[in-house]
């Protein structure tokens, strides 16, 4: 699914260079993120995912410091810095940034796209806005454009 338009050649080059055509996620890690979202069904949750070679290995939940947590997320800055330090100490790289949409689809909002600051990371969105079925999608967001990427559960 293309959220914003970009030339096919640019997208292929971006995903080839960043190896972002597929994001591999261990099932237990996905379960951790979904559980975190379910435990806060009215507010957005957020965090980072560390790993290597585009394979996620560890989840770093971070408290949402946004004023309006029902509709936005803003990672607690101290916790975000600590999570990045832990990733470095664990020889991990930032694989993905995740957050939930309690009352919206698992698609990046205009705010999500405009505030994306890490083009090398995938952006995972969990939606609780589905009738009993949790939805999780991944996107590459670069230059204010978002493209869905495949998720592979391992």
Protein backbone atom coordinates (compact mmCIF):
# COMPACT_ATOMS: atom_id res chain seq x y z
CA UNK A 1 0.00 0.00 0.00
CA UNK A 2 1.40 3.41 -0.92
CA UNK A 3 0.39 6.19 1.46
CA UNK A 4 2.19 8.91 -0.49
CA UNK A 5 3.49 8.72 -3.99
CA UNK A 6 7.14 8.35 -4.89
CA UNK A 7 8.73 7.00 -8.02
CA UNK A 8 9.02 3.22 -8.10
CA UNK A 9 12.74 3.52 -8.79
CA UNK A 10 13.25 5.69 -5.68
CA UNK A 11 11.31 3.29 -3.49
CA UNK A 12 13.18 0.24 -4.82
CA UNK A 13 16.50 2.00 -4.25
CA UNK A 14 15.48 3.06 -0.73
CA UNK A 15 14.31 -0.39 0.31
CA UNK A 16 17.31 -2.05 -1.33
CA UNK A 17 19.76 0.27 0.41
CA UNK A 18 18.02 -0.02 3.77
CA UNK A 19 17.10 -3.68 3.31
CA UNK A 20 13.57 -2.70 4.28
CA UNK A 21 11.45 -4.79 1.95
CA UNK A 22 10.76 -7.23 4.80
CA UNK A 23 10.98 -6.80 8.55
CA UNK A 24 11.53 -10.01 10.52
CA UNK A 25 9.89 -10.07 13.93
CA UNK A 26 10.02 -12.91 16.46
CA UNK A 27 6.52 -13.94 17.57
CA UNK A 28 7.27 -13.39 21.30
CA UNK A 29 8.34 -9.80 20.55
CA UNK A 30 5.11 -9.17 18.59
CA UNK A 31 3.15 -10.67 21.48
CA UNK A 32 4.92 -8.30 23.91
CA UNK A 33 3.97 -5.26 21.80
CA UNK A 34 0.36 -6.42 21.38
CA UNK A 35 0.07 -7.09 25.12
CA UNK A 36 1.44 -3.62 25.88
CA UNK A 37 -1.17 -2.08 23.55
CA UNK A 38 -3.98 -4.16 25.08
CA UNK A 39 -2.98 -3.09 28.59
CA UNK A 40 -3.47 0.55 27.60
CA UNK A 41 -6.51 0.36 25.29
CA UNK A 42 -7.42 4.05 25.53
CA UNK A 43 -3.93 5.53 25.13
CA UNK A 44 -1.18 5.17 22.56
CA UNK A 45 1.79 3.10 23.69
CA UNK A 46 5.25 3.35 22.16
CA UNK A 47 8.75 1.97 22.16
CA UNK A 48 11.80 0.94 20.20
CA UNK A 49 12.92 -2.37 18.76
CA UNK A 50 16.59 -3.26 18.59
CA UNK A 51 18.31 -6.00 16.63
CA UNK A 52 20.76 -6.67 13.85
CA UNK A 53 20.68 -7.49 10.15
CA UNK A 54 17.06 -6.24 9.94
CA UNK A 55 15.98 -8.94 12.40
CA UNK A 56 14.32 -7.62 15.54
CA UNK A 57 15.67 -9.08 18.76
CA UNK A 58 14.54 -6.96 21.70
CA UNK A 59 11.66 -4.66 22.58
CA UNK A 60 12.25 -1.47 24.58
CA UNK A 61 8.89 -0.12 25.82
CA UNK A 62 8.98 3.60 26.54
CA UNK A 63 6.40 5.61 28.43
CA UNK A 64 4.25 7.94 26.38
CA UNK A 65 4.91 11.52 27.51
CA UNK A 66 2.39 13.18 25.17
CA UNK A 67 -0.17 15.54 26.67
CA UNK A 68 -2.99 13.88 24.68
CA UNK A 69 -2.04 10.19 24.88
CA UNK A 70 -5.36 9.10 23.35
CA UNK A 71 -4.35 10.54 19.99
CA UNK A 72 -0.57 11.00 20.05
CA UNK A 73 2.63 9.54 21.30
CA UNK A 74 5.82 11.24 22.37
CA UNK A 75 8.52 9.06 23.83
CA UNK A 76 9.77 10.01 27.24
CA UNK A 77 13.15 11.54 26.27
CA UNK A 78 15.15 10.07 29.17
CA UNK A 79 13.75 6.59 28.56
CA UNK A 80 14.41 6.89 24.82
CA UNK A 81 18.04 7.84 25.44
CA UNK A 82 18.40 4.96 27.91
CA UNK A 83 16.90 2.50 25.40
CA UNK A 84 19.32 3.70 22.71
CA UNK A 85 22.21 3.26 25.17
CA UNK A 86 21.05 -0.26 25.99
CA UNK A 87 20.87 -1.06 22.27
CA UNK A 88 24.42 0.17 21.81
CA UNK A 89 25.58 -1.87 24.82
CA UNK A 90 23.86 -4.95 23.34
CA UNK A 91 25.48 -4.39 19.91
CA UNK A 92 22.06 -3.73 18.43
CA UNK A 93 20.86 -1.16 15.97
CA UNK A 94 17.50 0.59 15.88
CA UNK A 95 15.30 -1.73 13.81
CA UNK A 96 11.89 -0.18 14.38
CA UNK A 97 9.83 2.35 16.27
CA UNK A 98 6.38 1.23 17.33
CA UNK A 99 3.23 2.80 18.64
CA UNK A 100 -0.44 1.99 18.85
CA UNK A 101 -3.59 3.56 17.45
CA UNK A 102 -6.32 2.77 19.98
CA UNK A 103 -9.13 4.22 17.87
CA UNK A 104 -7.69 4.37 14.35
CA UNK A 105 -6.45 1.95 11.69
CA UNK A 106 -2.86 0.69 11.62
CA UNK A 107 -1.90 3.33 9.08
CA UNK A 108 0.47 6.24 9.65
CA UNK A 109 -1.32 9.49 10.39
CA UNK A 110 -0.21 12.78 8.88
CA UNK A 111 1.45 13.52 12.23
CA UNK A 112 3.25 10.14 12.18
CA UNK A 113 4.60 10.89 8.71
CA UNK A 114 5.56 14.50 9.43
CA UNK A 115 7.33 13.67 12.70
CA UNK A 116 9.23 10.58 11.52
CA UNK A 117 12.90 11.27 12.24
CA UNK A 118 14.58 7.90 11.66
CA UNK A 119 14.45 6.90 7.97
CA UNK A 120 16.66 3.88 8.68
CA UNK A 121 14.04 2.41 11.03
CA UNK A 122 10.74 0.76 10.23
CA UNK A 123 7.64 2.19 11.87
CA UNK A 124 5.24 -0.36 13.35
CA UNK A 125 1.67 0.59 14.12
CA UNK A 126 -0.70 -1.54 16.18
CA UNK A 127 -4.42 -0.89 15.81
CA UNK A 128 -6.92 -1.78 18.49
CA UNK A 129 -9.66 -0.36 16.27
CA UNK A 130 -10.52 -3.75 14.83
CA UNK A 131 -13.39 -5.87 16.07
CA UNK A 132 -11.53 -8.28 18.33
CA UNK A 133 -8.59 -8.71 15.95
CA UNK A 134 -5.36 -6.86 16.60
CA UNK A 135 -3.72 -5.43 13.51
CA UNK A 136 -0.03 -4.60 13.14
CA UNK A 137 1.58 -3.08 10.05
CA UNK A 138 5.05 -1.77 9.22
CA UNK A 139 6.07 1.22 7.16
CA UNK A 140 9.17 2.83 5.80
CA UNK A 141 8.82 6.60 6.28
CA UNK A 142 11.31 8.81 4.51
CA UNK A 143 11.08 12.36 3.17
CA UNK A 144 7.48 12.69 4.42
CA UNK A 145 6.39 9.61 2.43
CA UNK A 146 5.27 6.27 3.82
CA UNK A 147 5.32 2.84 2.19
CA UNK A 148 4.08 -0.37 3.73
CA UNK A 149 6.69 -3.09 4.12
CA UNK A 150 6.14 -6.79 4.69
CA UNK A 151 6.26 -8.33 8.14
CA UNK A 152 7.62 -11.82 8.57
CA UNK A 153 6.94 -13.52 11.90
CA UNK A 154 9.75 -15.85 12.88
